[in-house]
Amino acid sequence: MTGIPLIPSFDDEAESGRMLAIICSKGTLDMAYPGLILGNAALGEGVETHMFFTFWGFDMIMKSRMHDLKFSPAGNTALHLPIKDMRLPQALAPAMTGPATSMLKKQMAALDIPEVPDFLDQIVAAGGHLWACRLSADMMQIDESDLRDDVEGIISASDFIEMTNGAQILFI
């Protein structure tokens, strides 16, 4: 085995020039946070960070929707109830969206994790870049006036790939 270190280098010189591209494709509360947390962590480590919102990920950056993301346990067979390892029966899941959303928001607040719009504010303030997908915008008939003011533009997937050439890419 040659050339590929098994353990990452953590010296400051090796960190310069790193870039992370996060593609946010989901608009549920539970799927918004992984990208936000990873983007925030990358910025804290000095990594240039670009977030690309596509399809239902637009809910995170739309003025009319970003304050009302929901968590639906429907289809989430791994969801555990707060009582030991009990699982939520899927037949009950659709009726549990309201309580599940409320519970998740309370858990996040107890850990001082900001709500999605506030988290995006912090990411932008730390130098993160927000981009919207042209194809998704066209499909949903969305224009820049529908989006947060700090979204830098609506660009094609090709433009995003070109812009983030050499970046680590995460699809969430």
Protein backbone atom coordinates (compact mmCIF):
# COMPACT_ATOMS: atom_id res chain seq x y z
CA MET A 1 0.00 0.00 0.00
CA THR A 2 1.60 3.26 -1.08
CA GLY A 3 0.67 6.90 -1.10
CA ILE A 4 -2.63 6.75 0.81
CA PRO A 5 -2.30 7.43 4.54
CA LEU A 6 -4.59 5.38 6.77
CA ILE A 7 -4.74 8.14 9.37
CA PRO A 8 -5.62 11.70 8.31
CA SER A 9 -3.07 14.42 8.91
CA PHE A 10 -4.24 17.02 11.42
CA ASP A 11 -1.45 19.55 11.02
CA ASP A 12 -2.54 23.08 10.06
CA GLU A 13 -0.66 23.11 6.76
CA ALA A 14 -2.51 20.04 5.47
CA GLU A 15 -5.89 21.69 6.21
CA SER A 16 -5.44 24.72 3.97
CA GLY A 17 -7.26 24.52 0.67
CA ARG A 18 -9.79 21.92 1.80
CA MET A 19 -13.34 22.25 0.53
CA LEU A 20 -16.61 20.53 1.45
CA ALA A 21 -19.66 20.45 -0.83
CA ILE A 22 -22.89 19.38 0.85
CA ILE A 23 -25.92 18.56 -1.31
CA CYS A 24 -29.10 18.94 0.75
CA SER A 25 -31.96 17.06 -0.93
CA LYS A 26 -34.41 16.52 1.93
CA GLY A 27 -36.72 19.00 3.61
CA THR A 28 -37.69 17.22 6.80
CA LEU A 29 -36.49 18.46 10.15
CA ASP A 30 -34.43 15.35 10.88
CA MET A 31 -32.72 15.44 7.47
CA ALA A 32 -31.94 19.17 7.62
CA TYR A 33 -29.62 18.88 10.61
CA PRO A 34 -26.96 16.46 9.32
CA GLY A 35 -25.92 18.87 6.56
CA LEU A 36 -26.09 21.88 8.87
CA ILE A 37 -24.03 20.22 11.59
CA LEU A 38 -21.40 18.95 9.15
CA GLY A 39 -21.22 22.31 7.36
CA ASN A 40 -20.84 24.18 10.64
CA ALA A 41 -18.16 21.74 11.84
CA ALA A 42 -16.24 22.11 8.56
CA LEU A 43 -16.31 25.90 8.80
CA GLY A 44 -15.08 25.65 12.39
CA GLU A 45 -12.07 23.70 11.08
CA GLY A 46 -11.36 26.28 8.40
CA VAL A 47 -12.76 24.21 5.52
CA GLU A 48 -14.37 26.16 2.68
CA THR A 49 -18.01 25.03 2.67
CA HIS A 50 -20.64 25.15 -0.06
CA MET A 51 -24.21 23.91 0.44
CA PHE A 52 -26.36 23.07 -2.60
CA PHE A 53 -30.11 22.77 -2.02
CA THR A 54 -32.07 20.61 -4.43
CA PHE A 55 -35.55 19.09 -4.61
CA TRP A 56 -37.12 19.00 -1.11
CA GLY A 57 -33.98 20.55 0.37
CA PHE A 58 -35.46 23.82 -0.92
CA ASP A 59 -37.74 23.74 2.14
CA MET A 60 -34.68 24.66 4.22
CA ILE A 61 -34.03 27.88 2.26
CA MET A 62 -37.52 29.00 1.22
CA LYS A 63 -38.79 31.99 3.17
CA SER A 64 -42.30 30.50 3.32
CA ARG A 65 -41.24 27.05 4.56
CA MET A 66 -37.96 27.23 6.50
CA HIS A 67 -39.65 28.00 9.82
CA ASP A 68 -42.08 25.08 9.59
CA LEU A 69 -40.07 21.92 8.83
CA LYS A 70 -41.62 18.73 10.18
CA PHE A 71 -40.34 15.38 11.34
CA SER A 72 -42.42 12.47 10.13
CA PRO A 73 -41.86 9.04 11.65
CA ALA A 74 -43.69 7.48 8.67
CA GLY A 75 -41.30 5.15 6.88
CA ASN A 76 -38.66 5.52 9.59
CA THR A 77 -38.57 1.98 10.92
CA ALA A 78 -35.52 2.79 13.05
CA LEU A 79 -37.39 5.37 15.13
CA HIS A 80 -37.27 4.50 18.82
CA LEU A 81 -39.72 5.82 21.35
CA PRO A 82 -38.29 7.52 24.43
CA ILE A 83 -39.24 4.37 26.38
CA LYS A 84 -36.24 2.02 26.23
CA ASP A 85 -35.98 0.34 22.83
CA MET A 86 -39.66 0.36 21.88
CA ARG A 87 -40.30 1.11 18.22
CA LEU A 88 -43.21 3.10 16.88
CA PRO A 89 -45.65 0.89 14.96
CA GLN A 90 -45.74 2.18 11.38
CA ALA A 91 -49.55 2.16 11.39
CA LEU A 92 -49.42 4.97 13.99
CA ALA A 93 -46.64 6.96 12.30
CA PRO A 94 -48.74 9.32 10.13
CA ALA A 95 -50.68 10.54 13.15
CA MET A 96 -47.45 11.15 15.07
CA THR A 97 -45.91 13.89 12.88
CA GLY A 98 -47.00 16.73 15.20
CA PRO A 99 -45.87 15.13 18.47
CA ALA A 100 -42.66 13.78 16.88
CA THR A 101 -41.80 17.24 15.49
CA SER A 102 -42.45 18.84 18.86
CA MET A 103 -40.34 16.23 20.67
CA LEU A 104 -37.41 16.62 18.26
CA LYS A 105 -37.52 20.43 18.53
CA LYS A 106 -37.49 20.21 22.33
CA GLN A 107 -34.53 17.81 22.28
CA MET A 108 -32.61 20.12 19.94
CA ALA A 109 -33.41 23.19 22.08
CA ALA A 110 -32.25 21.36 25.23
CA LEU A 111 -28.88 20.85 23.52
CA ASP A 112 -28.74 24.53 22.41
CA ILE A 113 -28.89 23.50 18.75
CA PRO A 114 -30.29 26.42 16.75
CA GLU A 115 -33.40 26.11 14.61
CA VAL A 116 -32.77 25.65 10.88
CA PRO A 117 -32.99 29.35 9.81
CA ASP A 118 -30.73 30.42 12.70
CA PHE A 119 -28.28 27.63 11.91
CA LEU A 120 -28.10 28.79 8.28
CA ASP A 121 -27.50 32.36 9.54
CA GLN A 122 -24.53 31.08 11.55
CA ILE A 123 -23.15 29.11 8.60
CA VAL A 124 -23.29 32.15 6.32
CA ALA A 125 -21.79 34.40 9.03
CA ALA A 126 -18.89 31.92 9.32
CA GLY A 127 -18.23 32.13 5.56
CA GLY A 128 -20.38 29.28 4.25
CA HIS A 129 -21.97 29.54 0.82
CA LEU A 130 -25.61 28.65 0.01
CA TRP A 131 -26.65 27.73 -3.54
CA ALA A 132 -30.00 26.65 -5.01
CA CYS A 133 -30.45 24.10 -7.81
CA ARG A 134 -31.62 25.54 -11.15
CA LEU A 135 -33.50 22.39 -12.24
CA SER A 136 -35.37 22.13 -8.94
CA ALA A 137 -36.23 25.83 -9.01
CA ASP A 138 -37.56 25.54 -12.54
CA MET A 139 -39.57 22.40 -11.75
CA MET A 140 -41.15 24.02 -8.69
CA GLN A 141 -41.53 27.45 -10.31
CA ILE A 142 -39.40 29.09 -7.64
CA ASP A 143 -37.33 32.21 -8.17
CA GLU A 144 -34.74 34.02 -6.06
CA SER A 145 -37.39 36.15 -4.34
CA ASP A 146 -38.79 32.95 -2.75
CA LEU A 147 -35.43 32.11 -1.17
CA ARG A 148 -33.46 33.40 1.78
CA ASP A 149 -31.63 36.59 0.90
CA ASP A 150 -28.25 34.98 1.61
CA VAL A 151 -28.63 32.29 -1.06
CA GLU A 152 -25.91 33.36 -3.47
CA GLY A 153 -27.70 32.21 -6.59
CA ILE A 154 -29.68 29.60 -8.44
CA ILE A 155 -27.14 27.57 -10.41
CA SER A 156 -27.04 24.36 -12.41
CA ALA A 157 -25.70 21.12 -10.99
CA SER A 158 -22.86 21.36 -13.52
CA ASP A 159 -21.94 24.82 -12.25
CA PHE A 160 -21.92 23.53 -8.68
CA ILE A 161 -19.70 20.57 -9.59
CA GLU A 162 -17.31 22.87 -11.45
CA MET A 163 -17.27 25.40 -8.60
CA THR A 164 -16.48 22.71 -6.02
CA ASN A 165 -13.90 20.84 -8.11
CA GLY A 166 -11.76 18.73 -5.79
CA ALA A 167 -14.09 19.08 -2.80
CA GLN A 168 -15.29 16.32 -0.56
CA ILE A 169 -18.94 15.83 -1.58
CA LEU A 170 -21.71 14.73 0.77
CA PHE A 171 -25.21 13.95 -0.50
CA ILE A 172 -27.85 14.17 2.20
